[in-house]
Structures are given as structure tokens and as C-alpha cells.
C-alpha atoms as a PDB file:
ATOM      1  CA  MET A   1       9.189-154.887 127.128  1.00  0.00           C
ATOM      2  CA  ALA A   2      12.151-152.765 128.207  1.00  0.00           C
ATOM      3  CA  ARG A   3      12.142-151.464 131.753  1.00  0.00           C
ATOM      4  CA  LYS A   4      12.534-147.751 132.262  1.00  0.00           C
ATOM      5  CA  SER A   5      15.368-146.629 134.502  1.00  0.00           C
ATOM      6  CA  SER A   6      14.400-145.036 137.767  1.00  0.00           C
ATOM      7  CA  PRO A   7      15.774-141.719 139.070  1.00  0.00           C
ATOM      8  CA  GLU A   8      17.709-143.731 141.679  1.00  0.00           C
ATOM      9  CA  GLN A   9      19.388-145.806 138.946  1.00  0.00           C
ATOM     10  CA  TRP A  10      20.215-142.641 136.976  1.00  0.00           C
ATOM     11  CA  GLN A  11      21.716-141.036 140.098  1.00  0.00           C
ATOM     12  CA  GLY A  12      23.862-144.143 140.635  1.00  0.00           C
ATOM     13  CA  ALA A  13      25.032-144.090 137.012  1.00  0.00           C
ATOM     14  CA  LYS A  14      25.987-140.416 137.319  1.00  0.00           C
ATOM     15  CA  GLU A  15      27.982-141.151 140.479  1.00  0.00           C
ATOM     16  CA  ILE A  16      29.798-144.066 138.836  1.00  0.00           C
ATOM     17  CA  ARG A  17      30.556-142.006 135.713  1.00  0.00           C
ATOM     18  CA  ARG A  18      31.809-139.136 137.862  1.00  0.00           C
ATOM     19  CA  ALA A  19      34.012-141.442 139.963  1.00  0.00           C
ATOM     20  CA  ASN A  20      35.534-142.998 136.843  1.00  0.00           C
ATOM     21  CA  ALA A  21      36.014-139.609 135.163  1.00  0.00           C
ATOM     22  CA  LEU A  22      37.708-138.315 138.331  1.00  0.00           C
ATOM     23  CA  ALA A  23      40.044-141.320 138.227  1.00  0.00           C
ATOM     24  CA  LEU A  24      40.936-140.457 134.608  1.00  0.00           C
ATOM     25  CA  LEU A  25      41.430-136.826 135.596  1.00  0.00           C
ATOM     26  CA  GLN A  26      43.742-137.839 138.425  1.00  0.00           C
ATOM     27  CA  GLN A  27      45.655-140.220 136.172  1.00  0.00           C
ATOM     28  CA  HIS A  28      46.165-137.793 133.271  1.00  0.00           C
ATOM     29  CA  GLY A  29      46.009-134.360 134.921  1.00  0.00           C
ATOM     30  CA  SER A  30      43.590-131.544 134.193  1.00  0.00           C
ATOM     31  CA  ARG A  31      45.453-130.084 131.209  1.00  0.00           C
ATOM     32  CA  ILE A  32      45.554-133.330 129.230  1.00  0.00           C
ATOM     33  CA  PHE A  33      42.038-134.280 130.304  1.00  0.00           C
ATOM     34  CA  THR A  34      40.482-130.971 129.219  1.00  0.00           C
ATOM     35  CA  GLU A  35      42.446-130.870 125.946  1.00  0.00           C
ATOM     36  CA  ARG A  36      41.346-134.366 124.940  1.00  0.00           C
ATOM     37  CA  ILE A  37      37.696-133.789 125.802  1.00  0.00           C
ATOM     38  CA  GLY A  38      37.633-130.230 124.521  1.00  0.00           C
ATOM     39  CA  TRP A  39      36.414-128.771 127.795  1.00  0.00           C
ATOM     40  CA  SER A  40      37.252-125.426 129.332  1.00  0.00           C
ATOM     41  CA  ARG A  41      38.305-125.202 132.989  1.00  0.00           C
ATOM     42  CA  GLN A  42      34.782-123.972 133.733  1.00  0.00           C
ATOM     43  CA  GLN A  43      33.230-127.051 132.144  1.00  0.00           C
ATOM     44  CA  LEU A  44      35.640-129.281 134.061  1.00  0.00           C
ATOM     45  CA  SER A  45      34.484-127.639 137.278  1.00  0.00           C
ATOM     46  CA  GLN A  46      30.822-127.991 136.303  1.00  0.00           C
ATOM     47  CA  TYR A  47      31.179-131.738 135.733  1.00  0.00           C
ATOM     48  CA  LEU A  48      33.957-132.805 138.104  1.00  0.00           C
ATOM     49  CA  GLY A  49      34.524-129.943 140.538  1.00  0.00           C
ATOM     50  CA  ARG A  50      33.892-130.002 144.278  1.00  0.00           C
ATOM     51  CA  ASN A  51      30.279-128.896 143.750  1.00  0.00           C
ATOM     52  CA  PRO A  52      29.355-130.212 140.299  1.00  0.00           C
ATOM     53  CA  ILE A  53      26.258-128.730 138.710  1.00  0.00           C
ATOM     54  CA  ARG A  54      26.161-131.065 135.696  1.00  0.00           C
ATOM     55  CA  GLY A  55      26.081-134.821 135.461  1.00  0.00           C
ATOM     56  CA  ILE A  56      27.908-136.800 132.798  1.00  0.00           C
ATOM     57  CA  GLY A  57      25.203-137.869 130.368  1.00  0.00           C
ATOM     58  CA  GLU A  58      25.280-140.567 127.704  1.00  0.00           C
ATOM     59  CA  PRO A  59      26.838-138.519 124.844  1.00  0.00           C
ATOM     60  CA  THR A  60      29.487-136.992 127.112  1.00  0.00           C
ATOM     61  CA  ALA A  61      30.366-140.376 128.605  1.00  0.00           C
ATOM     62  CA  ARG A  62      30.793-141.912 125.145  1.00  0.00           C
ATOM     63  CA  ARG A  63      32.977-138.954 124.028  1.00  0.00           C
ATOM     64  CA  ILE A  64      35.238-139.323 127.084  1.00  0.00           C
ATOM     65  CA  GLU A  65      35.595-143.055 126.437  1.00  0.00           C
ATOM     66  CA  ALA A  66      36.412-142.480 122.774  1.00  0.00           C
ATOM     67  CA  GLU A  67      38.974-139.761 123.498  1.00  0.00           C
ATOM     68  CA  PHE A  68      40.805-141.965 126.022  1.00  0.00           C
ATOM     69  CA  GLY A  69      40.573-145.127 123.918  1.00  0.00           C
ATOM     70  CA  LEU A  70      38.349-146.897 126.431  1.00  0.00           C
ATOM     71  CA  ALA A  71      35.752-149.550 125.733  1.00  0.00           C
ATOM     72  CA  ARG A  72      32.173-148.363 125.221  1.00  0.00           C
ATOM     73  CA  ASN A  73      30.361-148.104 128.586  1.00  0.00           C
ATOM     74  CA  TRP A  74      33.654-148.174 130.533  1.00  0.00           C
ATOM     75  CA  LEU A  75      32.555-145.060 132.423  1.00  0.00           C
ATOM     76  CA  ASP A  76      29.295-146.793 133.415  1.00  0.00           C
ATOM     77  CA  THR A  77      31.036-149.586 135.340  1.00  0.00           C
ATOM     78  CA  LEU A  78      32.642-149.060 138.734  1.00  0.00           C
ATOM     79  CA  HIS A  79      36.270-150.127 138.498  1.00  0.00           C
ATOM     80  CA  GLU A  80      36.940-150.989 142.125  1.00  0.00           C
ATOM     81  CA  ALA A  81      40.680-151.431 141.761  1.00  0.00           C
ATOM     82  CA  ASP A  82      41.050-148.275 139.683  1.00  0.00           C
ATOM     83  CA  VAL A  83      38.836-145.796 141.536  1.00  0.00           C
ATOM     84  CA  THR A  84      40.710-144.953 144.716  1.00  0.00           C
ATOM     85  CA  MET A  85      41.005-142.185 147.260  1.00  0.00           C
ATOM     86  CA  LYS A  86      44.303-141.356 148.906  1.00  0.00           C
ATOM     87  CA  THR A  87      44.424-141.241 152.675  1.00  0.00           C
ATOM     88  CA  PRO A  88      47.371-140.683 155.035  1.00  0.00           C
ATOM     89  CA  GLU A  89      47.425-144.461 155.603  1.00  0.00           C
ATOM     90  CA  GLY A  90      47.430-145.333 151.905  1.00  0.00           C
ATOM     91  CA  LYS A  91      44.725-145.820 149.296  1.00  0.00           C
ATOM     92  CA  ILE A  92      41.208-147.145 149.705  1.00  0.00           C
ATOM     93  CA  THR A  93      38.712-147.872 146.975  1.00  0.00           C
ATOM     94  CA  ALA A  94      35.515-145.925 146.499  1.00  0.00           C
ATOM     95  CA  VAL A  95      33.644-149.153 147.217  1.00  0.00           C
ATOM     96  CA  GLU A  96      35.369-149.431 150.628  1.00  0.00           C
ATOM     97  CA  VAL A  97      34.362-145.851 151.427  1.00  0.00           C
ATOM     98  CA  LYS A  98      30.758-146.537 150.358  1.00  0.00           C
ATOM     99  CA  THR A  99      30.702-149.720 152.449  1.00  0.00           C
ATOM    100  CA  TYR A 100      31.963-147.817 155.480  1.00  0.00           C
ATOM    101  CA  ALA A 101      29.434-145.024 154.907  1.00  0.00           C
ATOM    102  CA  ARG A 102      26.542-147.471 154.628  1.00  0.00           C
ATOM    103  CA  GLY A 103      27.739-149.406 157.687  1.00  0.00           C
ATOM    104  CA  ALA A 104      27.863-146.180 159.649  1.00  0.00           C
ATOM    105  CA  GLY A 105      24.303-145.428 158.554  1.00  0.00           C
ATOM    106  CA  LEU A 106      25.228-142.380 156.473  1.00  0.00           C
ATOM    107  CA  PRO A 107      22.679-141.262 153.861  1.00  0.00           C
ATOM    108  CA  ALA A 108      23.860-140.747 150.274  1.00  0.00           C
ATOM    109  CA  HIS A 109      24.287-136.963 150.611  1.00  0.00           C
ATOM    110  CA  ARG A 110      26.476-137.489 153.698  1.00  0.00           C
ATOM    111  CA  PHE A 111      28.584-139.972 151.769  1.00  0.00           C
ATOM    112  CA  GLU A 112      29.070-137.408 148.997  1.00  0.00           C
ATOM    113  CA  LEU A 113      30.116-134.851 151.607  1.00  0.00           C
ATOM    114  CA  LEU A 114      32.599-137.374 153.039  1.00  0.00           C
ATOM    115  CA  VAL A 115      34.136-137.915 149.594  1.00  0.00           C
ATOM    116  CA  LYS A 116      34.330-134.144 148.949  1.00  0.00           C
ATOM    117  CA  ARG A 117      36.056-133.586 152.280  1.00  0.00           C
ATOM    118  CA  ALA A 118      38.535-136.378 151.483  1.00  0.00           C
ATOM    119  CA  ASP A 119      39.244-134.706 148.112  1.00  0.00           C
ATOM    120  CA  GLU A 120      39.804-131.356 149.857  1.00  0.00           C
ATOM    121  CA  LEU A 121      42.158-132.985 152.340  1.00  0.00           C
ATOM    122  CA  GLU A 122      44.111-134.492 149.462  1.00  0.00           C
ATOM    123  CA  VAL A 123      44.484-131.028 147.909  1.00  0.00           C
ATOM    124  CA  HIS A 124      45.771-129.608 151.204  1.00  0.00           C
ATOM    125  CA  VAL A 125      48.232-132.489 151.621  1.00  0.00           C
ATOM    126  CA  ALA A 126      49.497-131.982 148.066  1.00  0.00           C
ATOM    127  CA  ALA A 127      49.998-128.251 148.722  1.00  0.00           C
ATOM    128  CA  ALA A 128      51.905-129.017 151.932  1.00  0.00           C
ATOM    129  CA  LYS A 129      54.140-131.471 150.066  1.00  0.00           C
ATOM    130  CA  ARG A 130      54.906-128.819 147.418  1.00  0.00           C
ATOM    131  CA  GLU A 131      55.803-126.342 150.173  1.00  0.00           C
ATOM    132  CA  VAL A 132      58.118-128.869 151.835  1.00  0.00           C
ATOM    133  CA  ASP A 133      59.792-129.546 148.473  1.00  0.00           C
ATOM    134  CA  ARG A 134      60.238-125.796 147.950  1.00  0.00           C
ATOM    135  CA  LEU A 135      61.808-125.429 151.403  1.00  0.00           C
ATOM    136  CA  PHE A 136      64.162-128.348 150.783  1.00  0.00           C
ATOM    137  CA  ASP A 137      65.264-126.687 147.545  1.00  0.00           C
ATOM    138  CA  GLN A 138      65.973-123.458 149.436  1.00  0.00           C
ATOM    139  CA  VAL A 139      67.976-125.336 152.081  1.00  0.00           C
ATOM    140  CA  GLY A 140      69.980-126.993 149.323  1.00  0.00           C
ATOM    141  CA  GLU A 141      70.706-123.621 147.734  1.00  0.00           C
ATOM    142  CA  LEU A 142      71.794-122.219 151.111  1.00  0.00           C
ATOM    143  CA  CYS A 143      74.121-125.173 151.667  1.00  0.00           C
ATOM    144  CA  ASP A 144      75.666-124.652 148.231  1.00  0.00           C
ATOM    145  CA  HIS A 145      76.106-120.960 148.982  1.00  0.00           C
ATOM    146  CA  ILE A 146      77.784-121.711 152.345  1.00  0.00           C
ATOM    147  CA  ARG A 147      80.155-124.213 150.657  1.00  0.00           C
ATOM    148  CA  ARG A 148      81.126-121.592 148.072  1.00  0.00           C
ATOM    149  CA  LEU A 149      81.744-119.049 150.843  1.00  0.00           C
ATOM    150  CA  GLY A 150      83.921-121.563 152.702  1.00  0.00           C
ATOM    151  CA  LYS A 151      86.047-122.167 149.620  1.00  0.00           C
ATOM    152  CA  ASP A 152      86.566-118.427 149.182  1.00  0.00           C
ATOM    153  CA  LEU A 153      88.013-118.086 152.710  1.00  0.00           C
END
């Protein structure tokens, strides 16, 4: 007799699928990810945004796996080495974050909040890096302009 899955097991599967899909999104970028899956930006946000309102069900998981050439049920297995979060000190796996959260006595919804905040921080860091790159480009252009002015004198 087959055992029925509990709501807790389903919630865990959704979290694992989401973590793996986020890793694919990070690896391939949103444009390629949405084109392959056939999702709009709105659908991407609904499934993988900061406040997702939809979970990745069985048919969607299988479609993602097929479109990325992954083995069946790849999204259902936590890939510890692959699923990482960037921090200022380097990268840590989702499992390490979960272990820390459990050790600190954080309930599941607090853990999710911790992961969301880490994602937001990563976005802010990426924006700051782009701004620094832009400023370096401007400094380079100014230096080139000053060199040209010096040659004209």
C-alpha cells in the first residue's frame, strides 16, 4: 500500500524545487530561463520571486528538467554543492544555512525570511558593483580626455 505524502513533505518538496530552480535561474539568467520554460516575467516572479505565490508542481518541475536537459526528478533532490548563496565571505550552501537556522532555533518561516533577506542583500551588492564599474569607466574616460588635452598643449 502506497503511503500518502503529508503537507509537510509537500512543503519540503516545494522548497527543494524552488531552491534548485533558483540555482538554474542564477546560472542561466532570467532571459534564458524564461525563454526556455516559456514563462513571462510575471510567471517567473510568481514562482521564483521574493514573495512567490505559486509552488513548482509536478508537471512544471518535469518541464523545467526537460527544457534544461536534466534527469527526471533532478529538481526534487537537493544538490548541496550546487545550491549556494553568496555572502561577503564567499559562498555557503543552502544546507549550511538551514543547519545554522535550525541550530539557532529558527522556525521554518524565519528561515525563509533569512534566505529572502540574503537574496535582497545579494541584489544590493550586485547593484553597488555595477555602480563602481560605471564610475571606473568614467574615470578611465576622464584620464583619456586629460591625456588628449596634454598632447594638444
